[in-house]
Structures are given as structure tokens and as C-alpha cells.
N, C-alpha and C. Protein backbone atom coordinates (compact mmCIF):
# COMPACT_ATOMS: atom_id res chain seq x y z
N MET A 1 0.77 -1.39 -0.03
CA MET A 1 -0.07 0.02 -0.01
C MET A 1 0.89 1.43 0.09
N LYS A 2 2.01 1.20 0.63
CA LYS A 2 2.88 2.38 0.79
C LYS A 2 3.39 2.89 -0.75
N LEU A 3 3.71 1.81 -1.54
CA LEU A 3 4.23 1.87 -2.80
C LEU A 3 2.94 2.87 -3.33
N VAL A 4 1.93 2.12 -3.42
CA VAL A 4 0.71 2.45 -4.45
C VAL A 4 0.45 4.18 -4.04
N LEU A 5 0.72 4.21 -2.73
CA LEU A 5 0.12 5.99 -2.35
C LEU A 5 1.43 6.84 -2.60
N MET A 6 2.70 6.13 -2.77
CA MET A 6 3.69 7.04 -2.91
C MET A 6 3.55 7.25 -4.61
N ARG A 7 3.01 6.50 -5.48
CA ARG A 7 2.55 6.74 -6.95
C ARG A 7 1.12 7.73 -6.86
N ARG A 8 0.61 7.90 -5.85
CA ARG A 8 -0.74 8.42 -5.75
C ARG A 8 -1.69 7.62 -6.86
N ASP A 9 -1.74 6.25 -6.69
CA ASP A 9 -2.71 5.61 -7.38
C ASP A 9 -3.73 5.05 -6.12
N PHE A 10 -4.67 5.99 -6.05
CA PHE A 10 -5.60 5.75 -4.96
C PHE A 10 -6.56 4.45 -5.07
N VAL A 11 -7.09 4.34 -6.53
CA VAL A 11 -7.68 3.15 -7.04
C VAL A 11 -6.89 2.11 -6.63
N ARG A 12 -5.73 1.71 -6.63
CA ARG A 12 -5.20 0.43 -6.60
C ARG A 12 -5.17 0.24 -4.81
N CYS A 13 -5.14 1.69 -4.16
CA CYS A 13 -4.71 1.63 -3.09
C CYS A 13 -6.09 0.99 -1.88
N GLN A 14 -7.37 1.52 -2.68
CA GLN A 14 -8.49 0.86 -2.35
C GLN A 14 -8.67 -0.61 -2.82
N ILE A 15 -8.05 -1.30 -3.78
CA ILE A 15 -8.47 -2.51 -4.18
C ILE A 15 -7.45 -3.32 -3.19
N LEU A 16 -6.27 -2.80 -2.84
CA LEU A 16 -5.41 -3.37 -1.95
C LEU A 16 -5.71 -3.56 -0.37
N SER A 17 -6.65 -2.67 -0.11
CA SER A 17 -6.99 -2.36 1.33
C SER A 17 -8.20 -3.20 1.58
N ARG A 18 -8.89 -3.84 0.47
CA ARG A 18 -10.10 -4.81 0.47
C ARG A 18 -9.36 -5.88 0.81
N LYS A 19 -8.25 -6.18 0.40
CA LYS A 19 -7.45 -7.59 0.65
C LYS A 19 -7.33 -8.03 1.80
N ILE A 20 -6.94 -7.02 2.65
CA ILE A 20 -6.54 -6.97 4.16
C ILE A 20 -7.66 -6.96 5.17
N SER A 21 -7.69 -8.27 5.80
CA SER A 21 -8.85 -8.73 6.83
C SER A 21 -8.49 -7.62 7.89
N LYS A 22 -9.45 -6.83 8.37
CA LYS A 22 -9.25 -5.97 9.57
C LYS A 22 -9.50 -6.75 10.78
N ARG A 23 -10.13 -7.95 10.84
CA ARG A 23 -10.39 -8.70 12.06
C ARG A 23 -9.05 -9.38 12.06
N HIS A 24 -8.05 -9.94 11.18
CA HIS A 24 -6.92 -10.26 11.33
C HIS A 24 -5.95 -9.35 12.19
N LEU A 25 -6.10 -8.29 11.60
CA LEU A 25 -5.14 -7.18 12.32
C LEU A 25 -5.66 -6.69 13.73
N ASP A 26 -6.63 -7.40 14.42
CA ASP A 26 -6.92 -7.29 15.74
C ASP A 26 -6.37 -8.23 16.63
N SER A 27 -5.77 -9.42 16.14
CA SER A 27 -4.69 -10.52 16.65
C SER A 27 -3.78 -9.82 17.83
N LYS A 28 -3.36 -10.45 18.54
CA LYS A 28 -2.56 -9.96 19.43
C LYS A 28 -0.78 -10.00 18.65
N GLY A 29 -0.27 -9.13 19.00
CA GLY A 29 1.00 -8.88 18.27
C GLY A 29 1.22 -8.44 17.09
N LEU A 30 -0.06 -7.92 16.51
CA LEU A 30 -0.05 -7.22 15.27
C LEU A 30 -0.21 -5.80 15.49
N GLU A 31 -0.17 -5.22 16.51
CA GLU A 31 -0.85 -3.83 16.38
C GLU A 31 -0.03 -2.82 15.76
N LYS A 32 1.29 -3.02 15.50
CA LYS A 32 2.28 -2.33 14.90
C LYS A 32 2.07 -2.22 13.58
N PHE A 33 1.51 -3.49 12.95
CA PHE A 33 0.80 -3.30 11.53
C PHE A 33 -0.58 -2.89 11.32
N LYS A 34 -1.27 -2.82 12.34
CA LYS A 34 -2.72 -2.19 12.54
C LYS A 34 -2.49 -0.90 12.41
N ILE A 35 -1.43 -0.14 13.13
CA ILE A 35 -1.41 1.46 13.06
C ILE A 35 -0.85 1.76 11.74
N GLU A 36 0.13 0.93 11.12
CA GLU A 36 0.78 1.36 9.86
C GLU A 36 -0.52 1.32 8.79
N TYR A 37 -1.51 0.18 8.91
CA TYR A 37 -2.48 0.17 7.97
C TYR A 37 -3.30 1.33 7.92
N PHE A 38 -3.88 1.58 9.18
CA PHE A 38 -4.54 2.62 9.29
C PHE A 38 -4.44 3.92 9.07
N GLY A 39 -2.98 3.88 9.28
CA GLY A 39 -2.16 5.47 8.74
C GLY A 39 -2.33 5.49 7.15
N PHE A 40 -2.04 4.51 6.46
CA PHE A 40 -2.06 4.33 5.05
C PHE A 40 -3.81 4.67 4.56
N MET A 41 -4.46 4.02 5.17
CA MET A 41 -6.21 4.32 4.73
C MET A 41 -6.54 5.94 5.52
N ILE A 42 -5.89 6.33 6.35
CA ILE A 42 -6.08 7.66 6.76
C ILE A 42 -5.66 8.78 5.49
N THR A 43 -4.75 8.35 4.75
CA THR A 43 -4.28 9.02 3.62
C THR A 43 -5.29 9.09 2.28
N TYR A 44 -5.73 7.84 2.30
CA TYR A 44 -6.51 7.42 1.03
C TYR A 44 -7.98 8.12 1.41
N TYR A 45 -8.39 8.22 2.99
CA TYR A 45 -9.53 8.57 3.14
C TYR A 45 -9.57 10.19 3.17
N VAL A 46 -8.51 10.83 3.62
CA VAL A 46 -8.39 12.35 2.99
C VAL A 46 -8.38 12.59 1.77
N HIS A 47 -7.77 12.12 1.02
CA HIS A 47 -7.44 12.23 -0.66
C HIS A 47 -9.03 12.05 -0.98
N GLU A 48 -9.90 11.07 -0.93
CA GLU A 48 -11.21 10.80 -0.89
C GLU A 48 -12.31 11.57 -0.48
N LYS A 49 -11.71 12.44 0.45
CA LYS A 49 -12.72 13.35 1.11
C LYS A 49 -14.01 12.86 2.00
N MET A 50 -13.34 11.49 2.79
CA MET A 50 -13.97 10.94 3.33
C MET A 50 -13.88 11.06 4.98
N THR A 51 -14.34 12.26 5.49
CA THR A 51 -13.69 12.65 6.61
C THR A 51 -14.22 11.64 8.00
N LEU A 52 -15.43 11.21 7.72
CA LEU A 52 -16.04 10.32 9.06
C LEU A 52 -15.27 8.86 9.05
N LEU A 53 -14.81 8.51 7.88
CA LEU A 53 -13.92 7.10 8.04
C LEU A 53 -12.64 7.57 8.39
N ALA A 54 -12.01 8.74 8.04
CA ALA A 54 -10.56 9.22 8.37
C ALA A 54 -10.65 9.38 10.21
N ALA A 55 -11.94 9.83 10.52
CA ALA A 55 -12.22 10.12 11.93
C ALA A 55 -12.01 8.46 12.62
N LYS A 56 -12.79 7.71 12.13
CA LYS A 56 -12.59 6.48 12.61
C LYS A 56 -11.53 5.58 12.36
N ALA A 57 -10.67 5.97 11.45
CA ALA A 57 -9.30 5.26 11.55
C ALA A 57 -8.57 5.93 12.83
N TYR A 58 -8.69 7.30 12.73
CA TYR A 58 -7.78 7.67 13.90
C TYR A 58 -8.35 7.29 15.24
N GLN A 59 -9.63 7.00 15.38
CA GLN A 59 -9.89 6.37 16.60
C GLN A 59 -9.31 4.95 16.69
N THR A 60 -9.41 4.17 15.71
CA THR A 60 -8.66 2.98 15.85
C THR A 60 -7.54 2.85 16.20
N ILE A 61 -6.50 3.64 15.77
CA ILE A 61 -5.40 3.94 16.06
C ILE A 61 -5.06 4.45 17.88
N TYR A 62 -6.05 5.65 17.96
CA TYR A 62 -5.84 5.67 19.61
C TYR A 62 -6.32 4.63 20.36
N ASP A 63 -7.45 3.89 20.03
CA ASP A 63 -7.87 2.76 20.75
C ASP A 63 -6.82 1.57 21.10
N THR A 64 -5.89 1.47 19.75
CA THR A 64 -4.86 0.49 19.86
C THR A 64 -4.00 0.69 20.65
N LEU A 65 -3.57 2.17 20.46
CA LEU A 65 -2.37 2.60 21.49
C LEU A 65 -2.76 2.66 22.82
N ASN A 66 -3.99 2.67 23.32
CA ASN A 66 -4.50 2.70 24.68
C ASN A 66 -4.49 1.52 25.13
N LYS A 67 -5.08 0.48 24.36
CA LYS A 67 -5.48 -0.73 24.81
C LYS A 67 -3.78 -1.62 25.29
N ALA A 68 -2.88 -1.19 24.47
CA ALA A 68 -1.71 -1.96 24.51
C ALA A 68 -0.94 -2.01 25.84
N ASP A 69 -0.42 -2.88 26.31
CA ASP A 69 -0.04 -3.07 27.59
C ASP A 69 1.34 -2.01 27.52
N ASP A 70 1.93 -1.60 28.71
CA ASP A 70 3.12 -0.78 29.19
C ASP A 70 4.05 -1.20 27.95
N GLU A 71 4.74 -2.42 28.19
CA GLU A 71 5.78 -2.67 27.31
C GLU A 71 5.65 -2.51 26.11
N LEU A 72 4.63 -2.73 25.36
CA LEU A 72 4.41 -2.48 23.95
C LEU A 72 4.16 -1.05 23.67
N LYS A 73 3.41 -0.33 24.69
CA LYS A 73 3.09 1.01 24.30
C LYS A 73 4.49 1.76 24.49
N ALA A 74 5.22 1.38 24.96
CA ALA A 74 6.67 2.09 25.27
C ALA A 74 7.33 2.05 23.64
N LYS A 75 7.20 0.47 23.21
CA LYS A 75 7.71 0.35 22.03
C LYS A 75 7.12 1.08 20.94
N LEU A 76 5.86 1.44 20.78
CA LEU A 76 5.03 1.87 19.75
C LEU A 76 5.18 3.31 19.79
N ASP A 77 4.98 4.19 20.85
CA ASP A 77 4.67 5.19 21.21
C ASP A 77 5.38 5.62 22.31
N PRO A 78 6.81 5.98 22.42
CA PRO A 78 7.54 6.28 23.63
C PRO A 78 7.26 7.35 24.28
N GLU A 79 6.95 8.42 23.60
CA GLU A 79 6.49 9.83 24.15
C GLU A 79 5.17 10.21 24.12
N SER A 80 4.29 9.42 23.89
CA SER A 80 2.76 9.59 23.70
C SER A 80 2.39 10.53 22.71
N LYS A 81 3.44 11.10 21.81
CA LYS A 81 2.84 11.97 20.86
C LYS A 81 1.67 11.66 20.00
N GLU A 82 1.97 10.36 19.25
CA GLU A 82 0.97 9.76 18.55
C GLU A 82 -0.29 9.39 19.07
N THR A 83 -0.11 9.18 20.07
CA THR A 83 -1.48 9.01 21.14
C THR A 83 -2.41 10.06 21.17
N THR A 84 -1.63 11.47 21.54
CA THR A 84 -2.61 12.83 21.85
C THR A 84 -2.88 13.16 20.47
N SER A 85 -1.82 13.01 19.33
CA SER A 85 -2.16 13.59 18.02
C SER A 85 -3.24 12.83 17.53
N SER A 86 -3.46 11.42 17.54
CA SER A 86 -4.47 10.57 17.03
C SER A 86 -5.61 10.92 17.56
N PHE A 87 -5.95 11.38 18.90
CA PHE A 87 -7.17 11.54 19.47
C PHE A 87 -7.63 13.10 19.00
N GLN A 88 -6.37 13.90 18.92
CA GLN A 88 -6.96 15.35 18.47
C GLN A 88 -7.41 15.24 16.97
N ASN A 89 -6.76 14.75 15.88
CA ASN A 89 -7.11 14.33 14.75
C ASN A 89 -8.56 14.04 14.64
N PHE A 90 -8.63 12.95 15.53
CA PHE A 90 -10.15 12.02 15.56
C PHE A 90 -11.16 13.14 15.84
N VAL A 91 -10.94 14.04 16.58
CA VAL A 91 -12.03 14.92 17.27
C VAL A 91 -12.24 16.15 16.05
N ILE A 92 -11.07 16.39 15.29
CA ILE A 92 -11.11 17.34 14.31
C ILE A 92 -11.99 16.85 13.06
N TYR A 93 -11.50 15.55 12.82
CA TYR A 93 -12.23 15.07 11.52
C TYR A 93 -13.87 14.77 11.73
N VAL A 94 -14.11 14.58 13.22
CA VAL A 94 -15.24 14.36 13.40
C VAL A 94 -16.20 15.54 13.36
N LEU A 95 -15.53 16.76 13.88
CA LEU A 95 -16.19 18.20 14.00
C LEU A 95 -16.36 18.56 12.51
N THR A 96 -15.54 18.27 11.50
CA THR A 96 -15.57 18.75 10.36
C THR A 96 -16.34 17.89 9.37
N GLY A 97 -16.68 16.68 9.47
CA GLY A 97 -17.49 15.68 8.91
C GLY A 97 -18.97 16.27 8.67
N PRO A 98 -19.70 15.61 7.68
CA PRO A 98 -20.88 15.92 7.27
C PRO A 98 -21.79 15.47 8.34
N TYR A 99 -22.82 16.16 8.45
CA TYR A 99 -23.81 15.85 9.62
C TYR A 99 -24.92 14.62 9.41
N ASP A 100 -24.56 13.61 9.91
CA ASP A 100 -25.60 12.33 9.99
C ASP A 100 -25.49 11.71 11.53
N ASN A 101 -26.30 10.70 11.37
CA ASN A 101 -26.34 9.64 12.41
C ASN A 101 -24.94 9.10 13.25
N GLU A 102 -24.51 8.78 12.03
CA GLU A 102 -22.85 8.38 12.51
C GLU A 102 -21.92 9.14 13.24
N LYS A 103 -22.18 10.68 12.74
CA LYS A 103 -21.40 11.81 13.25
C LYS A 103 -21.96 12.07 14.78
N VAL A 104 -23.34 11.80 15.00
CA VAL A 104 -23.63 12.13 16.21
C VAL A 104 -23.20 10.78 17.33
N ASP A 105 -23.09 9.70 16.80
CA ASP A 105 -22.45 8.42 17.60
C ASP A 105 -21.23 8.69 17.94
N LEU A 106 -20.45 9.11 16.83
CA LEU A 106 -19.08 9.56 17.32
C LEU A 106 -18.77 10.57 18.20
N LEU A 107 -19.58 11.78 18.05
CA LEU A 107 -19.69 12.78 18.98
C LEU A 107 -20.04 12.35 20.48
N ASN A 108 -20.86 11.26 20.35
CA ASN A 108 -21.39 10.53 22.02
C ASN A 108 -20.03 10.03 22.58
N ILE A 109 -19.32 9.40 21.63
CA ILE A 109 -17.93 8.60 22.08
C ILE A 109 -17.28 9.73 22.55
N ILE A 110 -16.90 10.55 22.13
CA ILE A 110 -15.92 12.11 22.40
C ILE A 110 -16.33 12.40 23.87
N VAL A 111 -17.74 12.77 24.03
CA VAL A 111 -18.50 13.34 25.24
C VAL A 111 -17.89 12.51 26.32
N LYS A 112 -18.21 11.06 26.35
CA LYS A 112 -17.98 9.95 27.19
C LYS A 112 -16.71 9.98 27.69
């Protein structure tokens, strides 16, 4: 996906993203790949102006970093910069997204 995004070929990026199982990325030990995958997907979503999907991707990165044990968290995000930036970006993309029921649900997550 990285090579395809570097070539700015977003159609192929979408095709490749469908070949990766998101349920498989939830397995223990694949947190680094999950963060990398959703980082690539954020690039795609921003290009395609899919703000709520970009917000969900940032939420997934934030949740992955928060749920990681201390040893893994120190390895993935030693200074907690990525955790805070992913939450900030999540809030920004939710607020700038179009209004619908999904946005309301995401806003309720932020408030809680």
C-alpha cells in the first residue's frame, strides 16, 4: 500500500485495502501493522474526502495505543505523541465531517 500511495494511485490503494482483513489485524502482536495500515487508510480517506472514515481510522489508532500493555506502548509510542495527535485528529475530523447519525454517535463517544 505504501508504494501505491507514493505513486498517488488511490484506486489501487482501495483495491489493496480490501484484500487485508481488519479482523485479522485485531490479533495480538499485530498492533504495529494495524497502526501502519490505518495510517495508510487515513491518507486514502483524506484524498477521497471521506472525513468520517478518517475519523474512525484515527479512533482505531488511538484505541490500539490505549489498550496496548505498557511494554508494547513504550515500543510503539515512547513519548505518547502519536496517542495525543491521533485523538486530536479524531476530534477534528468528526467535527468537520458531514452531519448524519454516524457523526452523532462519534460525538457521543468523545463526550464520554
